[in-house]
């Protein structure tokens, strides 16, 4: 059995987030970016849509 050379699950989620954003669907883009950040908290591409990791409290609030 061979391994796929296609994009990883995280990359697929990011691609879907970018597509959603380009179609004006910020809610879906943010949801997908949140899923990426749940796995990779330091993913800079996902931070485009969600500047803070999900479930964190702002220090200036």
Protein backbone atom coordinates (compact mmCIF):
# COMPACT_ATOMS: atom_id res chain seq x y z
CA UNK A 1 0.00 0.00 0.00
CA UNK A 2 1.42 3.40 -0.90
CA UNK A 3 1.05 6.63 1.03
CA UNK A 4 -0.69 9.57 -0.58
CA UNK A 5 1.48 12.50 -1.55
CA UNK A 6 -1.51 14.82 -1.17
CA UNK A 7 -1.92 17.50 1.46
CA UNK A 8 -2.16 16.58 5.13
CA UNK A 9 -5.39 16.91 7.08
CA UNK A 10 -4.25 20.24 8.49
CA UNK A 11 -3.40 21.52 5.02
CA UNK A 12 -6.80 20.42 3.75
CA UNK A 13 -8.53 22.26 6.60
CA UNK A 14 -6.50 25.38 5.83
CA UNK A 15 -7.37 25.14 2.14
CA UNK A 16 -11.05 24.88 3.03
CA UNK A 17 -10.72 27.86 5.40
CA UNK A 18 -9.12 29.95 2.64
CA UNK A 19 -11.84 28.95 0.19
CA UNK A 20 -14.57 29.83 2.69
CA UNK A 21 -12.95 33.20 3.38
CA UNK A 22 -12.62 33.95 -0.33
CA UNK A 23 -16.34 33.23 -0.69
CA UNK A 24 -17.09 35.64 2.17
CA UNK A 25 -17.92 32.92 4.71
CA UNK A 26 -15.84 34.14 7.67
CA UNK A 27 -17.76 31.98 10.15
CA UNK A 28 -16.78 28.76 8.37
CA UNK A 29 -13.22 30.01 7.85
CA UNK A 30 -12.92 30.72 11.57
CA UNK A 31 -14.44 27.34 12.49
CA UNK A 32 -11.97 25.48 10.26
CA UNK A 33 -9.04 27.55 11.54
CA UNK A 34 -10.11 26.69 15.08
CA UNK A 35 -9.92 23.00 14.20
CA UNK A 36 -6.38 23.50 12.90
CA UNK A 37 -5.37 25.38 16.06
CA UNK A 38 -6.78 22.58 18.21
CA UNK A 39 -4.09 20.37 16.69
CA UNK A 40 -1.36 22.95 16.04
CA UNK A 41 -1.68 25.97 18.35
CA UNK A 42 1.18 27.79 16.60
CA UNK A 43 -0.06 27.47 13.03
CA UNK A 44 0.49 30.95 11.62
CA UNK A 45 -1.80 30.41 8.64
CA UNK A 46 -4.74 29.51 10.89
CA UNK A 47 -4.02 32.55 13.05
CA UNK A 48 -5.04 34.68 10.07
CA UNK A 49 -8.62 33.74 10.94
CA UNK A 50 -8.30 33.23 14.69
CA UNK A 51 -5.63 35.44 16.31
CA UNK A 52 -5.90 33.69 19.70
CA UNK A 53 -6.11 29.97 20.33
CA UNK A 54 -9.68 28.86 20.98
CA UNK A 55 -10.79 28.84 24.63
CA UNK A 56 -8.27 31.43 25.81
CA UNK A 57 -9.01 34.56 27.76
CA UNK A 58 -7.79 37.96 26.64
CA UNK A 59 -5.43 39.53 29.15
CA UNK A 60 -6.82 43.01 28.41
CA UNK A 61 -10.46 42.03 28.95
